[in-house]
């Protein structure tokens, strides 16, 4: 999802367990955040270029990836099937 969607995203309870593999295809490091029930960022990982990270999560728990300055690059919403989130 586009980065501007972050302002409308919040975690909701009750979703099924799933996972996301975050993959950094950028030339610089990125930061992975879970958006809590109030829409606040909770940092989970810093990915260097070419690194990946497997995250257990739930459907209804959105994620945002930012650059080192905190600027949103992309948002992800987990699906029932495990998925890959490629950051370009």
C-alpha atoms as a PDB file:
ATOM      1  CA  UNK A   1       0.000   0.000   0.000  1.00  0.00           C
ATOM      2  CA  UNK A   2       1.187   3.561  -0.525  1.00  0.00           C
ATOM      3  CA  UNK A   3       2.881   5.302   2.420  1.00  0.00           C
ATOM      4  CA  UNK A   4       0.120   7.908   2.856  1.00  0.00           C
ATOM      5  CA  UNK A   5      -2.228   5.122   4.051  1.00  0.00           C
ATOM      6  CA  UNK A   6      -0.330   4.957   7.356  1.00  0.00           C
ATOM      7  CA  UNK A   7      -2.389   7.772   8.860  1.00  0.00           C
ATOM      8  CA  UNK A   8      -5.575   5.647   8.582  1.00  0.00           C
ATOM      9  CA  UNK A   9      -4.158   2.304   9.751  1.00  0.00           C
ATOM     10  CA  UNK A  10      -4.588   0.738  13.206  1.00  0.00           C
ATOM     11  CA  UNK A  11      -4.332  -2.801  14.492  1.00  0.00           C
ATOM     12  CA  UNK A  12      -7.565  -4.635  15.198  1.00  0.00           C
ATOM     13  CA  UNK A  13      -7.835  -7.722  17.395  1.00  0.00           C
ATOM     14  CA  UNK A  14      -9.197 -11.108  16.425  1.00  0.00           C
ATOM     15  CA  UNK A  15      -7.273 -11.839  13.226  1.00  0.00           C
ATOM     16  CA  UNK A  16      -5.711 -15.210  12.547  1.00  0.00           C
ATOM     17  CA  UNK A  17      -1.997 -15.860  12.963  1.00  0.00           C
ATOM     18  CA  UNK A  18       0.208 -15.433   9.917  1.00  0.00           C
ATOM     19  CA  UNK A  19       3.678 -14.167   8.987  1.00  0.00           C
ATOM     20  CA  UNK A  20       5.382 -11.670   6.735  1.00  0.00           C
ATOM     21  CA  UNK A  21       8.917 -11.860   5.402  1.00  0.00           C
ATOM     22  CA  UNK A  22      10.227  -8.310   4.956  1.00  0.00           C
ATOM     23  CA  UNK A  23      12.924  -8.068   2.256  1.00  0.00           C
ATOM     24  CA  UNK A  24      14.991  -4.909   1.771  1.00  0.00           C
ATOM     25  CA  UNK A  25      15.872  -4.410  -1.914  1.00  0.00           C
ATOM     26  CA  UNK A  26      16.877  -0.788  -1.355  1.00  0.00           C
ATOM     27  CA  UNK A  27      20.461   0.472  -1.304  1.00  0.00           C
ATOM     28  CA  UNK A  28      20.008   1.877   2.217  1.00  0.00           C
ATOM     29  CA  UNK A  29      18.747   0.508   5.511  1.00  0.00           C
ATOM     30  CA  UNK A  30      15.049   0.589   6.399  1.00  0.00           C
ATOM     31  CA  UNK A  31      13.108   0.312   9.656  1.00  0.00           C
ATOM     32  CA  UNK A  32      10.114  -2.002  10.126  1.00  0.00           C
ATOM     33  CA  UNK A  33       7.324  -0.883  12.474  1.00  0.00           C
ATOM     34  CA  UNK A  34       4.105  -2.511  13.643  1.00  0.00           C
ATOM     35  CA  UNK A  35       1.195  -0.050  13.927  1.00  0.00           C
ATOM     36  CA  UNK A  36      -0.493  -0.638  17.282  1.00  0.00           C
ATOM     37  CA  UNK A  37      -4.181  -0.282  18.181  1.00  0.00           C
ATOM     38  CA  UNK A  38      -3.791   3.516  18.323  1.00  0.00           C
ATOM     39  CA  UNK A  39      -1.889   3.737  15.026  1.00  0.00           C
ATOM     40  CA  UNK A  40       1.423   4.391  16.790  1.00  0.00           C
ATOM     41  CA  UNK A  41       4.637   2.938  15.422  1.00  0.00           C
ATOM     42  CA  UNK A  42       6.363   0.181  17.394  1.00  0.00           C
ATOM     43  CA  UNK A  43       9.844  -0.607  16.014  1.00  0.00           C
ATOM     44  CA  UNK A  44      10.568  -4.268  15.299  1.00  0.00           C
ATOM     45  CA  UNK A  45      13.582  -4.435  12.980  1.00  0.00           C
ATOM     46  CA  UNK A  46      16.256  -2.540  11.096  1.00  0.00           C
ATOM     47  CA  UNK A  47      17.107  -4.124   7.754  1.00  0.00           C
ATOM     48  CA  UNK A  48      20.318  -3.369   5.948  1.00  0.00           C
ATOM     49  CA  UNK A  49      20.406  -3.596   2.134  1.00  0.00           C
ATOM     50  CA  UNK A  50      19.660  -7.159   0.903  1.00  0.00           C
ATOM     51  CA  UNK A  51      18.631  -8.354   4.376  1.00  0.00           C
ATOM     52  CA  UNK A  52      15.333 -10.050   5.158  1.00  0.00           C
ATOM     53  CA  UNK A  53      13.353 -10.601   8.351  1.00  0.00           C
ATOM     54  CA  UNK A  54      10.568 -13.073   9.149  1.00  0.00           C
ATOM     55  CA  UNK A  55       7.848 -11.593  11.392  1.00  0.00           C
ATOM     56  CA  UNK A  56       5.047 -13.470  13.150  1.00  0.00           C
ATOM     57  CA  UNK A  57       1.905 -11.313  13.060  1.00  0.00           C
ATOM     58  CA  UNK A  58      -1.877 -11.372  12.727  1.00  0.00           C
ATOM     59  CA  UNK A  59      -4.356 -10.457  10.009  1.00  0.00           C
ATOM     60  CA  UNK A  60      -5.527  -6.959  10.958  1.00  0.00           C
ATOM     61  CA  UNK A  61      -2.103  -5.836  12.234  1.00  0.00           C
ATOM     62  CA  UNK A  62      -0.646  -3.361   9.709  1.00  0.00           C
ATOM     63  CA  UNK A  63       3.059  -2.646   9.236  1.00  0.00           C
ATOM     64  CA  UNK A  64       4.939   0.364   7.907  1.00  0.00           C
ATOM     65  CA  UNK A  65       8.489   0.542   6.597  1.00  0.00           C
ATOM     66  CA  UNK A  66      10.426   3.808   6.803  1.00  0.00           C
ATOM     67  CA  UNK A  67      13.805   5.189   5.864  1.00  0.00           C
ATOM     68  CA  UNK A  68      16.300   6.131   8.599  1.00  0.00           C
ATOM     69  CA  UNK A  69      14.718   9.589   8.911  1.00  0.00           C
ATOM     70  CA  UNK A  70      11.302   8.094   9.699  1.00  0.00           C
ATOM     71  CA  UNK A  71       9.753   8.876   6.312  1.00  0.00           C
ATOM     72  CA  UNK A  72       7.179   6.231   5.344  1.00  0.00           C
ATOM     73  CA  UNK A  73       8.127   4.216   2.272  1.00  0.00           C
ATOM     74  CA  UNK A  74       5.363   1.605   2.142  1.00  0.00           C
ATOM     75  CA  UNK A  75       2.617   0.003   4.266  1.00  0.00           C
ATOM     76  CA  UNK A  76       1.659  -3.665   4.434  1.00  0.00           C
ATOM     77  CA  UNK A  77      -1.435  -5.462   5.714  1.00  0.00           C
ATOM     78  CA  UNK A  78      -0.933  -9.154   6.501  1.00  0.00           C
ATOM     79  CA  UNK A  79      -2.979 -11.782   4.686  1.00  0.00           C
ATOM     80  CA  UNK A  80      -4.145 -15.151   5.998  1.00  0.00           C
ATOM     81  CA  UNK A  81      -1.427 -16.883   3.957  1.00  0.00           C
ATOM     82  CA  UNK A  82       2.212 -16.135   4.818  1.00  0.00           C
ATOM     83  CA  UNK A  83       3.538 -13.440   2.476  1.00  0.00           C
ATOM     84  CA  UNK A  84       6.626 -11.548   1.359  1.00  0.00           C
ATOM     85  CA  UNK A  85       6.854  -7.773   1.652  1.00  0.00           C
ATOM     86  CA  UNK A  86       9.527  -6.516  -0.720  1.00  0.00           C
ATOM     87  CA  UNK A  87      10.770  -2.989  -0.034  1.00  0.00           C
ATOM     88  CA  UNK A  88      12.047  -1.275  -3.187  1.00  0.00           C
END
